Amino acid sequence: MKSKCPRLCRTGTSYCITLLLIAITVRHIRLFQTTAASFFLHNAKHTPVRRALNISAAHTLSSDSVIVAAAETSKETNIRNVTSLLLKSPNGTKRNSTKNIHVLSNKGANNEINNKPYFIFHIGPPKTATTSIQCGLTENSGILAHLDSYYYIGNQPKGTCSKPLQNNESQSFLGRTMIYEVNGGKVEGARLDQLAARMKHHHALNNNIILSVEVFGNKGVVKEAVLKTLVPFFQHWRVRIVIGYRHYLEHIPSIYYQKHAGNKYSLWPHEGGRAHPPLTEVIQKELGMLEEHRRKHQDDGSTSSWKWQQEHMTIWALELYLEHFDDVQIFDLYQEGDLVTNFVCQMIPTAHHTCQHLLTLQNNSAIVANSNSKKQRVSQSFDANRLALAAYKRGLVVGTRRKNKMVVSKIRLQLDQQQQQAKNSTWTKPEYFTCLSPFVQDQLWNTSVAFQRYLWNLHPPSSSSSSEEAESQHRIVFERAVARNKFCDLDTEKVLADPKWVDFLRKAR
C-alpha cells in the first residue's frame, strides 16, 4: 500500500489515509459504505479520488484473505461507481436506481432484517428454463462474486454448461437429496451440512448467496412440512424466492417430452420397451381430468382445499411459498431480451454492476449467439420413435437395440429435412398429421389464459407488462404453436401407406 500512496495521492496525504482506512475496514463493508458515501459526496471532484473509486474486493475461500485492487478506469466507469456508492442508504442497502431492478423488502422489514445478506433461492419449477438460468449463473459467477458479492453455489448442470463455476465454489448441491434429508423433519444430512457450511462462510463475510434447485418447485416432491422445517434454516438471511412462469399450453408438451424420454422408450417391445403415447392424447387427457376435477368440486359444493388453479405448477409453488416467505417473485420467461440478463437484473437485488455488464454486452450484440432460443434445450418430437415402432411391427426394420437408435435417427433426420422444404412436400403432407380438434384447441387456450389471468391478479411478475399486453403475447405464442403443428402427431398408419416411405424404411434397416 505504501508504494501506491505517492502515485494515487498526489494532492495530499489525506487521500492516502482514506485509502488505508478503506483497506482496513473492507471486512466491515456496510460501515465503509456509510462513511465513504459522505466523503465522496464532497470530494468526488478530485481526480485522484475518482481514480481510487474503482475498488474491487474479492473474497476467497479463506476468511483471512481479502484482496483490494485499485484500478484506473475511464471517466464514465468512475462516475457509475460514484453513483452506485451514493445510491446506498444509511443502513447499507441499495436504493432502486433502475426500473429494470426491483428491490423489494420483506413485510415488516426493519433495520436488522435489511442488514442481513441476501439468499436468492430459485426453485424452478421444472421445465421453466431452469437449466438455461443455471448455466447463465454459472458462466457469470465470477462477475457476480467480484462486482456484487453474490456467490452462486449451484446447482451446476453436468455436461450442459460451457464453463465451470468461476467463483471458487466447487460444491454441487443435489436438490432431491436435500429434499429427502429434510423430509424427516430435521435440517440435517450430508448435503444440508455442506450447504450450511457454505452459508456460514459467506455470512461471516457478509456475502450474498444464490442457489438454484428446481426440485423445490416440484409439486410431486415438496410438501408444506418441508418448508416449515426449512424456514429456520434461513433465519440469518434475507430470503427471496424466485419462481419461473411458463404458459400452460407450452408446459404440458414440455413435461410430456421429458417424461417419455427415458431409455425404456428406446427399446423394442420384445426387449421390454414402451411405446410413446401420442401427444394429442396426452393433452386431451390432461384437459379432461382438469375439467372433471373442477366440475366435481363445483357441483358437490366440496369444501376441499383443492383449487384447479394450483394444477399450474407456478401458481401452486407461489401460494405455498407465500405462506412461509415474505419476498416471493415471479420470473416471466416471455420478456424481450436475454434470459439470463433479465434474471440477474430483475431477480437479484443490488447486483447492479453485473446487470450493467450484461446489458452492455446485450446492447453490443455480444451475446446474441447465446440468446434464449439457443440456450434453452429444445424438446424433440417423438414422431420418429413412433414411426420406427410401427415399422418394426410390420417387419420393415430389424428389432435390435442398436438398430432401434439407428433407425430412429435416420427417420428423424428425414423428417427434419422434409419439414424444412416447401409445404407441399410429398414426404410430410398435412394429412399425415393428426392434430387437436378446434374444440380441444380452444379448450387448451382458454385453460392456459385462465391460469395466466389468475396469476396476474394474484401476484403478477414485478417486471412484466400489463395483464392485457401479457395476454396478447400469450395469444401470439399459442397461434405460432398451432401454425407449426406443435399440437400434432405423425399419423403412422397414413405414412406407412405411402410406398415412398415404405421403401425408405426398408433401406434404413
Protein backbone atom coordinates (compact mmCIF):
# COMPACT_ATOMS: atom_id res chain seq x y z
CA MET A 1 0.00 0.00 0.00
CA LYS A 2 2.92 2.38 0.73
CA SER A 3 4.18 2.16 -2.81
CA LYS A 4 0.78 3.18 -4.13
CA CYS A 5 0.31 6.26 -1.92
CA PRO A 6 2.59 8.68 -3.83
CA ARG A 7 1.03 7.75 -7.15
CA LEU A 8 -2.62 7.85 -6.07
CA CYS A 9 -2.44 10.65 -3.51
CA ARG A 10 -0.69 13.46 -5.29
CA THR A 11 -2.88 16.17 -3.81
CA GLY A 12 -2.13 15.42 -0.14
CA THR A 13 -1.76 12.75 2.50
CA SER A 14 -5.43 12.86 3.47
CA TYR A 15 -6.36 10.80 0.43
CA CYS A 16 -3.72 8.21 1.24
CA ILE A 17 -5.10 7.91 4.75
CA THR A 18 -8.54 7.40 3.23
CA LEU A 19 -7.27 4.52 1.09
CA LEU A 20 -5.65 2.89 4.11
CA LEU A 21 -8.91 3.15 6.04
CA ILE A 22 -10.74 1.51 3.14
CA ALA A 23 -8.35 -1.45 3.15
CA ILE A 24 -8.56 -1.81 6.94
CA THR A 25 -12.35 -1.68 7.07
CA VAL A 26 -13.19 -3.69 3.95
CA ARG A 27 -14.40 -6.61 6.10
CA HIS A 28 -16.91 -4.22 7.64
CA ILE A 29 -18.17 -3.18 4.25
CA ARG A 30 -21.52 -1.87 5.46
CA LEU A 31 -19.80 0.63 7.78
CA PHE A 32 -17.43 1.61 4.97
CA GLN A 33 -20.33 2.27 2.62
CA THR A 34 -21.96 4.62 5.09
CA THR A 35 -18.85 6.72 5.84
CA ALA A 36 -17.43 6.67 2.33
CA ALA A 37 -20.68 7.93 0.79
CA SER A 38 -20.43 11.17 2.76
CA PHE A 39 -16.72 11.58 1.93
CA PHE A 40 -17.08 11.02 -1.80
CA LEU A 41 -20.12 13.30 -1.97
CA HIS A 42 -17.86 16.23 -1.10
CA ASN A 43 -14.63 15.08 -2.76
CA ALA A 44 -15.60 13.23 -5.93
CA LYS A 45 -14.47 16.23 -7.98
CA HIS A 46 -10.81 15.42 -7.25
CA THR A 47 -9.22 13.28 -9.96
CA PRO A 48 -7.12 11.10 -7.57
CA VAL A 49 -10.24 10.20 -5.62
CA ARG A 50 -12.11 9.28 -8.80
CA ARG A 51 -9.24 7.01 -9.75
CA ALA A 52 -9.40 5.30 -6.39
CA LEU A 53 -13.13 4.76 -6.58
CA ASN A 54 -12.97 1.67 -8.77
CA ILE A 55 -12.11 -0.71 -5.95
CA SER A 56 -12.92 -4.36 -6.29
CA ALA A 57 -13.00 -6.58 -3.22
CA ALA A 58 -12.76 -10.28 -3.97
CA HIS A 59 -13.34 -12.78 -1.17
CA THR A 60 -11.54 -16.11 -1.50
CA LEU A 61 -12.43 -19.32 0.31
CA SER A 62 -10.11 -18.27 3.16
CA SER A 63 -11.80 -15.87 5.56
CA ASP A 64 -8.36 -14.42 6.40
CA SER A 65 -7.67 -13.30 2.85
CA VAL A 66 -9.17 -10.14 1.33
CA ILE A 67 -7.83 -8.67 -1.89
CA VAL A 68 -8.31 -4.98 -2.56
CA ALA A 69 -7.31 -3.78 -6.01
CA ALA A 70 -7.29 -0.14 -7.09
CA ALA A 71 -7.54 0.24 -10.86
CA GLU A 72 -7.60 3.28 -13.09
CA THR A 73 -10.58 3.21 -15.43
CA SER A 74 -12.38 5.57 -17.77
CA LYS A 75 -14.21 8.63 -16.52
CA GLU A 76 -17.57 7.07 -17.34
CA THR A 77 -16.82 3.97 -15.26
CA ASN A 78 -15.75 6.08 -12.26
CA ILE A 79 -18.90 8.17 -12.49
CA ARG A 80 -21.02 4.98 -12.43
CA ASN A 81 -19.13 3.81 -9.34
CA VAL A 82 -19.73 7.15 -7.60
CA THR A 83 -23.42 6.95 -8.48
CA SER A 84 -23.65 3.37 -7.17
CA LEU A 85 -21.99 4.37 -3.93
CA LEU A 86 -24.18 7.42 -3.37
CA LEU A 87 -27.29 5.35 -4.03
CA LYS A 88 -26.66 3.39 -0.84
CA SER A 89 -28.96 4.21 2.02
CA PRO A 90 -27.60 4.91 5.52
CA ASN A 91 -28.32 1.35 6.68
CA GLY A 92 -26.19 -0.13 3.93
CA THR A 93 -28.85 -1.30 1.46
CA LYS A 94 -29.08 -0.09 -2.10
CA ARG A 95 -31.91 2.03 -3.36
CA ASN A 96 -33.70 1.07 -6.54
CA SER A 97 -31.81 3.06 -9.18
CA THR A 98 -33.10 1.35 -12.31
CA LYS A 99 -36.58 0.47 -13.41
CA ASN A 100 -35.30 -2.94 -14.50
CA ILE A 101 -34.17 -3.79 -10.97
CA HIS A 102 -36.86 -4.40 -8.39
CA VAL A 103 -35.59 -4.46 -4.81
CA LEU A 104 -38.50 -5.49 -2.60
CA SER A 105 -38.09 -5.65 1.14
CA ASN A 106 -39.78 -8.21 3.35
CA LYS A 107 -43.06 -7.40 5.03
CA GLY A 108 -42.49 -5.58 8.28
CA ALA A 109 -38.84 -5.09 7.39
CA ASN A 110 -36.63 -3.32 9.89
CA ASN A 111 -33.02 -2.31 10.04
CA GLU A 112 -31.96 -5.67 11.41
CA ILE A 113 -33.56 -7.53 8.50
CA ASN A 114 -32.23 -5.09 5.93
CA ASN A 115 -28.68 -5.57 7.18
CA LYS A 116 -28.81 -9.29 6.55
CA PRO A 117 -27.23 -10.60 3.35
CA TYR A 118 -29.49 -11.89 0.60
CA PHE A 119 -30.19 -15.55 -0.07
CA ILE A 120 -31.72 -15.85 -3.55
CA PHE A 121 -33.45 -19.23 -3.80
CA HIS A 122 -34.52 -20.09 -7.36
CA ILE A 123 -36.84 -23.10 -7.17
CA GLY A 124 -37.72 -23.68 -10.83
CA PRO A 125 -40.31 -25.19 -11.26
CA PRO A 126 -39.21 -27.90 -13.70
CA LYS A 127 -39.42 -27.01 -17.40
CA THR A 128 -39.19 -23.25 -16.84
CA ALA A 129 -35.75 -22.73 -18.43
CA THR A 130 -34.07 -23.71 -15.16
CA THR A 131 -31.07 -25.30 -16.85
CA SER A 132 -30.51 -22.22 -19.03
CA ILE A 133 -30.65 -19.95 -16.00
CA GLN A 134 -28.32 -22.20 -14.02
CA CYS A 135 -25.77 -22.23 -16.84
CA GLY A 136 -26.02 -18.46 -17.15
CA LEU A 137 -25.40 -18.01 -13.43
CA THR A 138 -22.52 -20.48 -13.59
CA GLU A 139 -20.86 -18.70 -16.51
CA ASN A 140 -21.27 -15.28 -14.83
CA SER A 141 -20.49 -16.48 -11.31
CA GLY A 142 -17.11 -14.74 -11.22
CA ILE A 143 -18.56 -11.37 -12.17
CA LEU A 144 -21.39 -11.73 -9.67
CA ALA A 145 -18.92 -12.50 -6.89
CA HIS A 146 -16.29 -9.87 -7.56
CA LEU A 147 -18.55 -6.99 -8.60
CA ASP A 148 -21.62 -7.50 -6.41
CA SER A 149 -20.64 -10.01 -3.70
CA TYR A 150 -23.17 -12.58 -4.90
CA TYR A 151 -21.92 -16.16 -4.79
CA TYR A 152 -23.71 -18.70 -6.93
CA ILE A 153 -23.25 -22.05 -5.22
CA GLY A 154 -25.29 -24.30 -7.52
CA ASN A 155 -26.90 -26.24 -8.97
CA GLN A 156 -24.49 -26.68 -11.88
CA PRO A 157 -26.00 -28.95 -14.59
CA LYS A 158 -23.49 -31.63 -15.52
CA GLY A 159 -22.28 -31.66 -19.10
CA THR A 160 -24.54 -28.78 -20.11
CA CYS A 161 -22.82 -25.51 -19.23
CA SER A 162 -19.88 -24.27 -21.30
CA LYS A 163 -17.90 -23.15 -18.23
CA PRO A 164 -17.44 -24.33 -14.65
CA LEU A 165 -18.07 -22.08 -11.66
CA GLN A 166 -15.80 -19.03 -11.71
CA ASN A 167 -16.06 -18.05 -8.03
CA ASN A 168 -14.01 -20.72 -6.20
CA GLU A 169 -17.19 -22.62 -5.36
CA SER A 170 -16.97 -26.27 -6.35
CA GLN A 171 -19.85 -27.85 -4.48
CA SER A 172 -22.86 -29.09 -6.43
CA PHE A 173 -25.94 -29.31 -4.26
CA LEU A 174 -28.32 -32.05 -5.32
CA GLY A 175 -31.83 -30.80 -4.65
CA ARG A 176 -33.54 -34.17 -4.49
CA THR A 177 -31.03 -35.36 -1.91
CA MET A 178 -31.65 -32.22 0.13
CA ILE A 179 -35.40 -32.79 -0.03
CA TYR A 180 -35.03 -36.34 1.24
CA GLU A 181 -32.79 -35.17 4.07
CA VAL A 182 -35.24 -32.55 5.27
CA ASN A 183 -38.32 -34.77 4.90
CA GLY A 184 -37.54 -36.29 8.26
CA GLY A 185 -38.40 -33.02 9.96
CA LYS A 186 -34.81 -32.11 10.85
CA VAL A 187 -32.37 -29.94 8.96
CA GLU A 188 -29.56 -32.46 8.84
CA GLY A 189 -27.77 -34.66 6.35
CA ALA A 190 -24.60 -34.60 4.28
CA ARG A 191 -25.86 -32.19 1.61
CA LEU A 192 -27.54 -29.85 4.07
CA ASP A 193 -24.44 -29.85 6.25
CA GLN A 194 -22.35 -28.82 3.24
CA LEU A 195 -24.83 -26.09 2.38
CA ALA A 196 -24.88 -24.86 5.98
CA ALA A 197 -21.07 -24.66 5.95
CA ARG A 198 -21.04 -22.50 2.82
CA MET A 199 -23.81 -20.32 4.24
CA LYS A 200 -21.84 -19.82 7.46
CA HIS A 201 -18.70 -18.94 5.49
CA HIS A 202 -20.37 -16.37 3.28
CA HIS A 203 -22.46 -14.90 6.09
CA ALA A 204 -19.30 -14.14 8.04
CA LEU A 205 -18.04 -12.18 5.03
CA ASN A 206 -21.42 -10.51 4.50
CA ASN A 207 -21.66 -12.09 1.06
CA ASN A 208 -24.94 -12.83 -0.67
CA ILE A 209 -25.81 -16.32 -1.94
CA ILE A 210 -27.69 -17.62 -4.99
CA LEU A 211 -28.97 -21.21 -5.04
CA SER A 212 -31.00 -22.74 -7.87
CA VAL A 213 -32.64 -26.12 -7.28
CA GLU A 214 -35.72 -26.83 -9.37
CA VAL A 215 -36.90 -29.80 -7.33
CA PHE A 216 -38.01 -27.37 -4.60
CA GLY A 217 -40.66 -26.20 -7.05
CA ASN A 218 -41.85 -29.71 -7.93
CA LYS A 219 -45.40 -30.29 -6.77
CA GLY A 220 -44.92 -34.03 -6.62
CA VAL A 221 -41.98 -33.78 -4.20
CA VAL A 222 -42.26 -30.72 -1.95
CA LYS A 223 -44.69 -30.81 0.95
CA GLU A 224 -45.62 -27.99 3.28
CA ALA A 225 -43.85 -29.74 6.15
CA VAL A 226 -40.58 -29.39 4.24
CA LEU A 227 -40.92 -25.60 4.15
CA LYS A 228 -41.83 -25.37 7.82
CA THR A 229 -38.61 -27.20 8.56
CA LEU A 230 -36.51 -25.07 6.22
CA VAL A 231 -37.69 -21.62 7.34
CA PRO A 232 -35.49 -21.54 10.49
CA PHE A 233 -32.57 -22.61 8.28
CA PHE A 234 -32.64 -19.12 6.69
CA GLN A 235 -33.18 -17.06 9.83
CA HIS A 236 -29.96 -15.07 9.36
CA TRP A 237 -30.69 -14.19 5.73
CA ARG A 238 -32.98 -12.02 3.68
CA VAL A 239 -34.57 -14.74 1.59
CA ARG A 240 -36.01 -14.11 -1.85
CA ILE A 241 -37.85 -16.98 -3.52
CA VAL A 242 -37.81 -16.87 -7.34
CA ILE A 243 -40.35 -18.90 -9.32
CA GLY A 244 -40.35 -19.16 -13.11
CA TYR A 245 -43.55 -18.83 -15.15
CA ARG A 246 -44.32 -20.72 -18.35
CA HIS A 247 -47.61 -20.87 -20.21
CA TYR A 248 -49.69 -23.95 -19.50
CA LEU A 249 -50.08 -24.64 -23.23
CA GLU A 250 -46.29 -25.00 -23.51
CA HIS A 251 -45.76 -26.63 -20.15
CA ILE A 252 -47.85 -29.74 -20.93
CA PRO A 253 -45.87 -30.70 -24.07
CA SER A 254 -42.57 -29.96 -22.35
CA ILE A 255 -43.41 -32.22 -19.40
CA TYR A 256 -44.61 -34.87 -21.86
CA TYR A 257 -41.28 -34.89 -23.72
CA GLN A 258 -39.30 -35.05 -20.50
CA LYS A 259 -41.40 -37.83 -19.01
CA HIS A 260 -41.16 -40.09 -22.06
CA ALA A 261 -37.51 -39.56 -22.94
CA GLY A 262 -36.05 -42.39 -20.84
CA ASN A 263 -34.18 -45.46 -22.03
CA LYS A 264 -37.25 -47.65 -21.61
CA TYR A 265 -38.70 -45.88 -24.65
CA SER A 266 -35.65 -46.62 -26.81
CA LEU A 267 -36.14 -50.40 -26.77
CA TRP A 268 -38.22 -52.63 -28.99
CA PRO A 269 -41.26 -54.30 -27.38
CA HIS A 270 -39.55 -57.72 -27.10
CA GLU A 271 -36.76 -56.01 -25.12
CA GLY A 272 -39.21 -54.52 -22.63
CA GLY A 273 -39.54 -51.18 -24.38
CA ARG A 274 -42.58 -48.96 -24.16
CA ALA A 275 -44.44 -47.08 -26.87
CA HIS A 276 -44.64 -43.30 -26.82
CA PRO A 277 -48.24 -42.18 -26.37
CA PRO A 278 -49.39 -39.56 -28.90
CA LEU A 279 -49.05 -36.00 -27.61
CA THR A 280 -52.59 -35.16 -28.70
CA GLU A 281 -53.97 -37.92 -26.48
CA VAL A 282 -51.93 -36.71 -23.51
CA ILE A 283 -53.17 -33.12 -23.90
CA GLN A 284 -56.80 -34.21 -24.20
CA LYS A 285 -56.42 -36.44 -21.14
CA GLU A 286 -54.90 -33.64 -19.04
CA LEU A 287 -57.59 -31.16 -20.04
CA GLY A 288 -60.30 -33.74 -19.39
CA MET A 289 -59.00 -34.56 -15.90
CA LEU A 290 -58.73 -30.88 -15.03
CA GLU A 291 -62.28 -30.18 -16.19
CA GLU A 292 -63.62 -33.22 -14.35
CA HIS A 293 -61.99 -32.18 -11.06
CA ARG A 294 -63.20 -28.62 -11.43
CA ARG A 295 -66.78 -29.70 -12.21
CA LYS A 296 -66.81 -32.17 -9.32
CA HIS A 297 -65.78 -29.57 -6.76
CA GLN A 298 -68.28 -27.06 -8.10
CA ASP A 299 -71.24 -29.44 -8.32
CA ASP A 300 -70.96 -31.12 -4.93
CA GLY A 301 -70.13 -27.93 -3.03
CA SER A 302 -66.97 -29.55 -1.73
CA THR A 303 -65.05 -27.67 0.94
CA SER A 304 -61.83 -29.38 -0.08
CA SER A 305 -58.72 -27.20 -0.27
CA TRP A 306 -58.22 -28.35 -3.87
CA LYS A 307 -58.07 -25.45 -6.33
CA TRP A 308 -57.95 -26.01 -10.06
CA GLN A 309 -55.54 -23.06 -10.38
CA GLN A 310 -52.93 -25.00 -8.41
CA GLU A 311 -52.70 -27.51 -11.24
CA HIS A 312 -50.37 -24.92 -12.74
CA MET A 313 -47.06 -25.60 -11.01
CA THR A 314 -46.04 -21.93 -10.79
CA ILE A 315 -49.30 -20.97 -9.07
CA TRP A 316 -49.04 -23.93 -6.71
CA ALA A 317 -45.47 -23.01 -5.75
CA LEU A 318 -46.35 -19.33 -5.36
CA GLU A 319 -49.23 -19.92 -2.96
CA LEU A 320 -47.23 -22.46 -0.96
CA TYR A 321 -44.11 -20.32 -0.54
CA LEU A 322 -46.09 -17.13 0.19
CA GLU A 323 -47.31 -18.85 3.35
CA HIS A 324 -43.75 -19.06 4.66
CA PHE A 325 -41.72 -16.30 2.96
CA ASP A 326 -42.46 -12.62 2.51
CA ASP A 327 -40.39 -11.95 -0.61
CA VAL A 328 -41.56 -14.22 -3.43
CA GLN A 329 -41.01 -13.13 -7.03
CA ILE A 330 -42.37 -14.47 -10.33
CA PHE A 331 -39.91 -14.51 -13.24
CA ASP A 332 -41.69 -14.19 -16.58
CA LEU A 333 -39.92 -16.15 -19.33
CA TYR A 334 -41.68 -14.29 -22.14
CA GLN A 335 -39.96 -10.93 -21.86
CA GLU A 336 -37.86 -9.39 -24.58
CA GLY A 337 -34.10 -9.58 -24.19
CA ASP A 338 -31.65 -12.16 -22.95
CA LEU A 339 -32.98 -14.68 -20.44
CA VAL A 340 -30.03 -14.57 -18.04
CA THR A 341 -29.67 -10.78 -18.24
CA ASN A 342 -33.33 -10.37 -17.33
CA PHE A 343 -32.95 -12.79 -14.44
CA VAL A 344 -29.91 -11.01 -12.99
CA CYS A 345 -31.31 -7.50 -13.43
CA GLN A 346 -34.79 -8.27 -12.13
CA MET A 347 -34.48 -11.09 -9.63
CA ILE A 348 -31.17 -10.39 -7.87
CA PRO A 349 -31.37 -7.25 -5.70
CA THR A 350 -28.33 -4.93 -5.66
CA ALA A 351 -26.49 -6.84 -8.42
CA HIS A 352 -26.29 -3.56 -10.33
CA HIS A 353 -22.74 -3.94 -11.64
CA THR A 354 -23.33 -7.39 -13.10
CA CYS A 355 -26.62 -6.24 -14.53
CA GLN A 356 -24.96 -3.27 -16.23
CA HIS A 357 -22.20 -5.53 -17.55
CA LEU A 358 -24.70 -7.94 -19.10
CA LEU A 359 -26.83 -5.12 -20.50
CA THR A 360 -23.74 -3.65 -22.15
CA LEU A 361 -22.92 -6.99 -23.73
CA GLN A 362 -26.51 -7.35 -24.87
CA ASN A 363 -26.58 -3.87 -26.38
CA ASN A 364 -23.33 -4.61 -28.18
CA SER A 365 -24.85 -7.83 -29.55
CA ALA A 366 -22.06 -9.80 -27.89
CA ILE A 367 -24.43 -12.43 -26.52
CA VAL A 368 -26.82 -12.73 -29.43
CA ALA A 369 -25.36 -16.16 -30.14
CA ASN A 370 -26.43 -17.19 -26.65
CA SER A 371 -29.97 -15.87 -26.95
CA ASN A 372 -32.91 -17.52 -25.21
CA SER A 373 -33.89 -19.70 -28.15
CA LYS A 374 -30.43 -21.22 -28.43
CA LYS A 375 -29.70 -21.61 -24.72
CA GLN A 376 -32.95 -23.35 -23.93
CA ARG A 377 -32.99 -27.05 -24.60
CA VAL A 378 -35.33 -27.91 -27.44
CA SER A 379 -37.68 -30.82 -26.87
CA GLN A 380 -37.52 -33.49 -29.56
CA SER A 381 -40.71 -34.79 -31.14
CA PHE A 382 -41.34 -38.50 -30.72
CA ASP A 383 -42.74 -38.87 -34.25
CA ALA A 384 -39.60 -40.69 -35.36
CA ASN A 385 -39.81 -43.12 -32.43
CA ARG A 386 -43.46 -43.88 -33.06
CA LEU A 387 -42.88 -44.40 -36.79
CA ALA A 388 -39.93 -46.72 -36.09
CA LEU A 389 -42.09 -48.81 -33.77
CA ALA A 390 -44.88 -49.02 -36.35
CA ALA A 391 -42.34 -50.09 -39.00
CA TYR A 392 -40.94 -52.71 -36.60
CA LYS A 393 -44.38 -54.19 -36.03
CA ARG A 394 -44.76 -54.57 -39.80
CA GLY A 395 -41.39 -56.25 -40.14
CA LEU A 396 -39.83 -53.37 -42.08
CA VAL A 397 -36.92 -52.89 -39.66
CA VAL A 398 -34.71 -55.18 -37.57
CA GLY A 399 -35.51 -55.44 -33.89
CA THR A 400 -32.25 -54.86 -32.01
CA ARG A 401 -31.37 -52.09 -29.59
CA ARG A 402 -28.60 -50.72 -31.79
CA LYS A 403 -30.86 -50.82 -34.83
CA ASN A 404 -33.58 -49.01 -32.88
CA LYS A 405 -31.40 -45.97 -32.26
CA MET A 406 -30.03 -46.04 -35.80
CA VAL A 407 -33.45 -46.28 -37.44
CA VAL A 408 -34.93 -43.57 -35.22
CA SER A 409 -32.00 -41.31 -36.04
CA LYS A 410 -32.44 -41.83 -39.80
CA ILE A 411 -36.19 -41.23 -39.63
CA ARG A 412 -35.77 -38.09 -37.56
CA LEU A 413 -33.21 -36.72 -40.00
CA GLN A 414 -35.51 -37.45 -42.93
CA LEU A 415 -38.46 -35.78 -41.21
CA ASP A 416 -36.41 -32.71 -40.33
CA GLN A 417 -35.10 -32.36 -43.87
CA GLN A 418 -38.52 -32.71 -45.41
CA GLN A 419 -40.20 -30.32 -42.98
CA GLN A 420 -37.67 -27.67 -43.89
CA GLN A 421 -38.71 -27.93 -47.52
CA ALA A 422 -41.83 -26.50 -49.12
CA LYS A 423 -45.18 -27.16 -47.50
CA ASN A 424 -46.26 -29.26 -50.47
CA SER A 425 -43.58 -31.84 -49.75
CA THR A 426 -44.76 -35.28 -50.76
CA TRP A 427 -42.98 -36.74 -47.71
CA THR A 428 -44.75 -34.78 -44.98
CA LYS A 429 -48.17 -33.97 -46.33
CA PRO A 430 -50.57 -32.15 -43.98
CA GLU A 431 -52.89 -35.16 -43.99
CA TYR A 432 -50.07 -37.22 -42.48
CA PHE A 433 -50.58 -35.39 -39.18
CA THR A 434 -53.31 -35.76 -36.60
CA CYS A 435 -53.84 -32.53 -34.63
CA LEU A 436 -56.05 -31.37 -31.82
CA SER A 437 -59.58 -30.61 -32.93
CA PRO A 438 -60.62 -26.92 -32.98
CA PHE A 439 -62.73 -27.59 -29.89
CA VAL A 440 -59.79 -29.01 -27.93
CA GLN A 441 -57.51 -26.24 -29.17
CA ASP A 442 -59.97 -23.67 -27.80
CA GLN A 443 -60.16 -25.61 -24.55
CA LEU A 444 -56.36 -25.59 -24.27
CA TRP A 445 -56.19 -21.87 -24.97
CA ASN A 446 -58.97 -20.97 -22.52
CA THR A 447 -57.36 -23.05 -19.78
CA SER A 448 -53.90 -21.61 -20.39
CA VAL A 449 -55.06 -17.99 -20.39
CA ALA A 450 -57.25 -18.61 -17.32
CA PHE A 451 -54.12 -19.66 -15.41
CA GLN A 452 -52.32 -16.52 -16.56
CA ARG A 453 -55.17 -14.20 -15.57
CA TYR A 454 -55.35 -15.78 -12.13
CA LEU A 455 -51.61 -15.37 -11.60
CA TRP A 456 -51.51 -11.77 -12.81
CA ASN A 457 -54.37 -10.89 -10.46
CA LEU A 458 -52.84 -12.74 -7.53
CA HIS A 459 -49.14 -11.88 -7.78
CA PRO A 460 -48.02 -10.50 -11.17
CA PRO A 461 -44.35 -10.57 -12.16
CA SER A 462 -42.76 -7.37 -10.90
CA SER A 463 -41.14 -6.62 -14.25
CA SER A 464 -43.88 -7.79 -16.56
CA SER A 465 -46.17 -5.85 -18.85
CA SER A 466 -49.83 -5.23 -18.10
CA SER A 467 -52.27 -8.11 -17.98
CA GLU A 468 -53.70 -7.13 -21.37
CA GLU A 469 -50.27 -6.98 -23.02
CA ALA A 470 -49.22 -10.25 -21.43
CA GLU A 471 -52.39 -11.93 -22.67
CA SER A 472 -51.81 -10.58 -26.18
CA GLN A 473 -48.29 -12.03 -26.15
CA HIS A 474 -49.72 -15.28 -24.84
CA ARG A 475 -52.07 -15.44 -27.81
CA ILE A 476 -49.19 -14.95 -30.23
CA VAL A 477 -47.35 -17.88 -28.65
CA PHE A 478 -50.45 -20.06 -29.00
CA GLU A 479 -51.12 -19.17 -32.64
CA ARG A 480 -47.48 -19.72 -33.56
CA ALA A 481 -47.56 -23.16 -31.94
CA VAL A 482 -50.70 -24.11 -33.86
CA ALA A 483 -49.18 -22.92 -37.14
CA ARG A 484 -46.08 -25.03 -36.50
CA ASN A 485 -48.06 -28.20 -35.71
CA LYS A 486 -46.83 -28.21 -32.11
CA PHE A 487 -50.07 -29.90 -31.05
CA CYS A 488 -49.95 -32.61 -33.71
CA ASP A 489 -48.69 -36.18 -34.09
CA LEU A 490 -47.48 -38.01 -37.15
CA ASP A 491 -50.16 -40.50 -38.25
CA THR A 492 -48.02 -43.61 -38.67
CA GLU A 493 -50.73 -45.58 -40.45
CA LYS A 494 -51.03 -42.97 -43.19
CA VAL A 495 -47.26 -42.70 -43.52
CA LEU A 496 -46.84 -46.47 -43.92
CA ALA A 497 -49.46 -46.43 -46.66
CA ASP A 498 -47.05 -44.33 -48.73
CA PRO A 499 -44.78 -46.56 -50.90
CA LYS A 500 -42.08 -43.89 -50.81
CA TRP A 501 -41.84 -44.09 -47.03
CA VAL A 502 -42.02 -47.90 -47.01
CA ASP A 503 -39.06 -48.09 -49.40
CA PHE A 504 -37.11 -45.64 -47.24
CA LEU A 505 -37.77 -47.65 -44.07
CA ARG A 506 -36.71 -50.94 -45.65
CA LYS A 507 -33.38 -49.36 -46.61
CA ALA A 508 -32.99 -47.81 -43.15
CA ARG A 509 -32.69 -51.26 -41.55
